[in-house]
Amino acid sequence: MNHWNDLLVLILIVSAIYLALSLCFFGLTRYVRKRRISEKYLILINKFRLFYKPTAWLVIIGGFIALDPVTHGFIILLVLGVGYKHLGNYISGLFLRSSPLLAIHTLVKAGKIRGRVNKIGSLGMVLGTDQGEQWVWFNSFDRAGFTLISNQTNEQQRSLYLKSEHSKEKLENLIFDHPILALGKPSNLKSLSAENTYLLHYTLVKGAQQEDLTNYLNDHDIQTNSTEKFNS
């Protein structure tokens, strides 16, 4: 990429693709609701659209840096340094927002916070609590340990912090082979900055209890906690 016109063309291309995805999502939403058929295809398209947005930004930023690697690279590093907190909230929210359980009116429990989702943003959400509306950043929501309870199906999506000397691959085999996790539902194991520490997002099968999973993990030398602060 050698000219600003090339960057403009790149922006127009990724914008056109995002617009096409949005129109496809809108049309499929109306079709699914009108025909009253399974929403699994709608969920897949919504996830693709959600993760396409940051990917498109990375492509555009890459094109911007290519115009002048030294100067533009320094500008991007400066912007990232200033907006580090907001970037962390955005990244933490990607997985949560991709979950079909996170929707308006979903019941949320996170630490001392309990309420229903009134609004979902890119960096956090507005909860309706007994004390009124409250803004919660996705990062804070993740660190507090959370439970999402669907207003329609009563399914529960939860988060759990793990600490173990097992490799991540072995942990995934132990966790995702367990029948307590709902097949086809959002589940993810993420490595954290602290050594041998992970964050697990998972959905339980109906009628299952979290204690069943924590007992199973403890039996395999895996510590569990609702927050990232483990006892020494």
Protein backbone atom coordinates (compact mmCIF):
# COMPACT_ATOMS: atom_id res chain seq x y z
CA MET A 1 0.00 0.00 0.00
CA ASN A 2 1.68 3.19 -1.25
CA HIS A 3 -0.98 5.92 -1.46
CA TRP A 4 -3.82 7.33 0.65
CA ASN A 5 -6.21 6.39 -2.16
CA ASP A 6 -5.30 2.73 -1.56
CA LEU A 7 -6.26 3.11 2.11
CA LEU A 8 -9.54 4.76 1.11
CA VAL A 9 -10.35 1.84 -1.20
CA LEU A 10 -9.53 -0.62 1.60
CA ILE A 11 -11.87 1.23 3.99
CA LEU A 12 -14.66 1.19 1.40
CA ILE A 13 -14.24 -2.55 0.79
CA VAL A 14 -14.35 -3.59 4.47
CA SER A 15 -17.27 -1.18 5.07
CA ALA A 16 -19.21 -2.67 2.16
CA ILE A 17 -18.67 -6.19 3.52
CA TYR A 18 -19.89 -5.10 6.98
CA LEU A 19 -22.95 -3.43 5.44
CA ALA A 20 -23.73 -6.63 3.50
CA LEU A 21 -23.44 -8.66 6.71
CA SER A 22 -25.76 -6.25 8.54
CA LEU A 23 -28.37 -6.43 5.77
CA CYS A 24 -28.11 -10.23 5.73
CA PHE A 25 -28.54 -10.33 9.52
CA PHE A 26 -31.57 -7.99 9.34
CA GLY A 27 -33.24 -10.00 6.57
CA LEU A 28 -32.56 -13.36 8.20
CA THR A 29 -33.87 -12.07 11.55
CA ARG A 30 -37.21 -11.18 9.99
CA TYR A 31 -37.37 -14.48 8.10
CA VAL A 32 -36.56 -16.61 11.16
CA ARG A 33 -39.09 -14.84 13.36
CA LYS A 34 -41.77 -14.96 10.68
CA ARG A 35 -41.27 -18.67 9.97
CA ARG A 36 -40.65 -19.50 13.64
CA ILE A 37 -37.70 -21.74 12.82
CA SER A 38 -34.44 -22.41 14.65
CA GLU A 39 -32.32 -19.33 15.37
CA LYS A 40 -28.97 -21.18 15.24
CA TYR A 41 -28.13 -19.68 11.82
CA LEU A 42 -29.01 -16.24 13.12
CA ILE A 43 -26.66 -16.74 16.07
CA LEU A 44 -23.81 -17.81 13.75
CA ILE A 45 -24.21 -14.77 11.51
CA ASN A 46 -24.40 -12.46 14.52
CA LYS A 47 -21.14 -13.93 15.88
CA PHE A 48 -19.44 -13.55 12.51
CA ARG A 49 -20.59 -9.92 12.26
CA LEU A 50 -19.45 -9.23 15.83
CA PHE A 51 -15.92 -10.56 15.28
CA TYR A 52 -15.67 -9.15 11.76
CA LYS A 53 -15.75 -5.59 13.13
CA PRO A 54 -12.47 -5.76 15.13
CA THR A 55 -10.89 -7.79 12.30
CA ALA A 56 -11.82 -5.05 9.83
CA TRP A 57 -10.28 -2.42 12.10
CA LEU A 58 -7.06 -4.44 12.30
CA VAL A 59 -6.92 -4.59 8.50
CA ILE A 60 -7.48 -0.81 8.21
CA ILE A 61 -4.89 -0.07 10.91
CA GLY A 62 -2.44 -2.37 9.12
CA GLY A 63 -3.00 -0.42 5.89
CA PHE A 64 -2.53 2.88 7.73
CA ILE A 65 0.78 1.71 9.22
CA ALA A 66 1.96 0.43 5.83
CA LEU A 67 1.79 3.98 4.44
CA ASP A 68 4.49 5.12 6.88
CA PRO A 69 5.62 2.33 9.25
CA VAL A 70 7.68 4.55 11.59
CA THR A 71 5.45 7.59 12.02
CA HIS A 72 2.08 5.85 11.75
CA GLY A 73 3.27 2.94 13.89
CA PHE A 74 4.23 5.39 16.65
CA ILE A 75 0.80 7.08 16.39
CA ILE A 76 -1.01 3.75 16.76
CA LEU A 77 1.13 2.77 19.76
CA LEU A 78 0.34 6.11 21.39
CA VAL A 79 -3.40 5.68 20.79
CA LEU A 80 -3.29 2.12 22.17
CA GLY A 81 -1.45 3.33 25.26
CA VAL A 82 -4.05 6.03 25.94
CA GLY A 83 -7.01 3.74 25.25
CA TYR A 84 -5.61 0.58 26.87
CA LYS A 85 -8.42 0.34 29.46
CA HIS A 86 -11.18 0.74 26.90
CA LEU A 87 -9.49 -1.76 24.57
CA GLY A 88 -9.41 -4.30 27.43
CA ASN A 89 -13.12 -3.78 28.06
CA TYR A 90 -13.90 -4.21 24.37
CA ILE A 91 -11.93 -7.46 24.09
CA SER A 92 -13.49 -8.85 27.30
CA GLY A 93 -16.93 -8.05 25.93
CA LEU A 94 -16.50 -9.84 22.60
CA PHE A 95 -17.06 -13.32 24.02
CA LEU A 96 -19.87 -12.17 26.31
CA ARG A 97 -21.67 -10.33 23.52
CA SER A 98 -21.37 -13.37 21.23
CA SER A 99 -23.32 -15.48 23.73
CA PRO A 100 -27.03 -15.88 22.89
CA LEU A 101 -27.71 -15.84 26.65
CA LEU A 102 -26.59 -12.21 26.93
CA ALA A 103 -29.62 -10.25 25.79
CA ILE A 104 -31.99 -7.57 27.02
CA HIS A 105 -33.81 -8.75 30.19
CA THR A 106 -31.23 -11.48 30.94
CA LEU A 107 -30.74 -11.84 34.71
CA VAL A 108 -27.15 -11.12 35.76
CA LYS A 109 -25.26 -11.97 38.94
CA ALA A 110 -21.70 -10.66 39.34
CA GLY A 111 -20.16 -10.27 42.78
CA LYS A 112 -22.53 -8.09 44.79
CA ILE A 113 -24.35 -6.93 41.66
CA ARG A 114 -27.69 -8.45 40.70
CA GLY A 115 -30.01 -7.12 38.04
CA ARG A 116 -31.43 -7.43 34.56
CA VAL A 117 -29.76 -6.21 31.39
CA ASN A 118 -31.35 -3.00 30.11
CA LYS A 119 -28.74 -2.06 27.49
CA ILE A 120 -25.63 -3.67 25.96
CA GLY A 121 -22.78 -1.51 24.69
CA SER A 122 -19.36 -2.16 23.16
CA LEU A 123 -17.53 -1.59 26.47
CA GLY A 124 -20.09 -2.61 29.08
CA MET A 125 -23.77 -2.85 29.92
CA VAL A 126 -26.51 -1.07 31.85
CA LEU A 127 -28.19 -3.20 34.51
CA GLY A 128 -31.48 -2.49 36.20
CA THR A 129 -30.93 -3.19 39.91
CA ASP A 130 -32.88 -2.57 43.12
CA GLN A 131 -30.87 0.65 43.50
CA GLY A 132 -31.63 1.82 39.96
CA GLU A 133 -29.72 1.58 36.71
CA GLN A 134 -26.01 0.78 37.01
CA TRP A 135 -23.24 0.78 34.40
CA VAL A 136 -20.88 -2.22 34.54
CA TRP A 137 -17.63 -2.42 32.55
CA PHE A 138 -17.04 -5.80 30.88
CA ASN A 139 -13.62 -6.13 32.55
CA SER A 140 -15.09 -5.63 36.03
CA PHE A 141 -17.95 -7.97 35.18
CA ASP A 142 -15.49 -10.68 34.11
CA ARG A 143 -13.22 -10.32 37.16
CA ALA A 144 -16.11 -10.48 39.64
CA GLY A 145 -17.22 -13.92 38.42
CA PHE A 146 -20.63 -13.88 36.78
CA THR A 147 -23.76 -15.86 36.03
CA LEU A 148 -26.13 -15.19 33.11
CA ILE A 149 -29.62 -16.62 33.44
CA SER A 150 -31.73 -16.60 30.28
CA ASN A 151 -35.14 -14.99 30.72
CA GLN A 152 -36.67 -17.46 28.25
CA THR A 153 -34.95 -20.83 28.75
CA ASN A 154 -33.57 -20.40 32.31
CA GLU A 155 -30.21 -21.70 31.03
CA GLN A 156 -27.17 -20.43 32.91
CA GLN A 157 -23.83 -19.25 31.56
CA ARG A 158 -21.11 -18.78 34.19
CA SER A 159 -17.47 -17.82 34.63
CA LEU A 160 -14.93 -19.60 36.81
CA TYR A 161 -11.25 -18.97 37.48
CA LEU A 162 -8.93 -21.98 37.40
CA LYS A 163 -5.38 -22.55 38.60
CA SER A 164 -3.45 -25.66 37.71
CA GLU A 165 -0.03 -26.88 36.58
CA HIS A 166 -1.71 -28.92 33.83
CA SER A 167 -1.15 -27.69 30.29
CA LYS A 168 -3.98 -25.75 28.67
CA GLU A 169 -4.56 -28.62 26.23
CA LYS A 170 -4.97 -31.12 29.07
CA LEU A 171 -7.29 -28.75 30.93
CA GLU A 172 -9.48 -28.40 27.84
CA ASN A 173 -9.67 -32.18 27.47
CA LEU A 174 -10.65 -32.60 31.12
CA ILE A 175 -13.22 -29.81 31.11
CA PHE A 176 -14.97 -30.16 27.78
CA ASP A 177 -15.25 -33.96 27.97
CA HIS A 178 -17.34 -33.63 31.11
CA PRO A 179 -21.07 -34.23 30.42
CA ILE A 180 -22.16 -31.40 32.72
CA LEU A 181 -21.38 -28.81 30.04
CA ALA A 182 -24.14 -28.13 27.53
CA LEU A 183 -23.11 -29.24 24.04
CA GLY A 184 -23.28 -26.53 21.39
CA LYS A 185 -23.46 -23.76 24.00
CA PRO A 186 -20.84 -21.04 24.57
CA SER A 187 -17.76 -22.41 26.35
CA ASN A 188 -14.23 -21.03 26.32
CA LEU A 189 -10.97 -21.37 28.28
CA LYS A 190 -8.70 -18.30 28.25
CA SER A 191 -5.13 -18.05 29.56
CA LEU A 192 -4.51 -15.12 31.93
CA SER A 193 -1.38 -13.10 32.64
CA ALA A 194 -0.84 -14.79 36.02
CA GLU A 195 1.09 -18.06 35.70
CA ASN A 196 -1.01 -21.26 35.46
CA THR A 197 -4.24 -19.23 35.78
CA TYR A 198 -7.20 -19.43 33.40
CA LEU A 199 -10.70 -18.01 32.97
CA LEU A 200 -13.42 -20.48 32.00
CA HIS A 201 -16.73 -19.40 30.48
CA TYR A 202 -19.23 -22.25 30.30
CA THR A 203 -22.90 -23.19 30.08
CA LEU A 204 -24.38 -25.92 32.28
CA VAL A 205 -26.87 -28.49 31.10
CA LYS A 206 -30.34 -27.98 32.54
CA GLY A 207 -30.63 -29.14 36.12
CA ALA A 208 -26.85 -29.34 36.70
CA GLN A 209 -25.17 -27.62 39.64
CA GLN A 210 -21.90 -25.68 39.57
CA GLU A 211 -20.68 -27.73 42.55
CA ASP A 212 -20.65 -30.83 40.32
CA LEU A 213 -18.12 -29.17 38.03
CA THR A 214 -15.96 -27.64 40.79
CA ASN A 215 -15.78 -30.97 42.65
CA TYR A 216 -14.76 -32.72 39.43
CA LEU A 217 -12.04 -30.13 38.77
CA ASN A 218 -10.73 -30.24 42.34
CA ASP A 219 -10.46 -34.02 42.08
CA HIS A 220 -8.09 -33.47 39.12
CA ASP A 221 -5.81 -31.05 41.01
CA ILE A 222 -7.41 -27.94 39.52
CA GLN A 223 -8.12 -25.07 41.92
CA THR A 224 -11.30 -23.08 41.32
CA ASN A 225 -12.39 -19.64 42.44
CA SER A 226 -15.07 -17.09 41.58
CA THR A 227 -12.43 -14.33 41.26
CA GLU A 228 -8.86 -14.19 39.93
CA LYS A 229 -7.39 -13.84 43.43
CA PHE A 230 -6.43 -17.31 44.66
CA ASN A 231 -5.24 -17.94 48.21
CA SER A 232 -1.50 -18.56 48.39
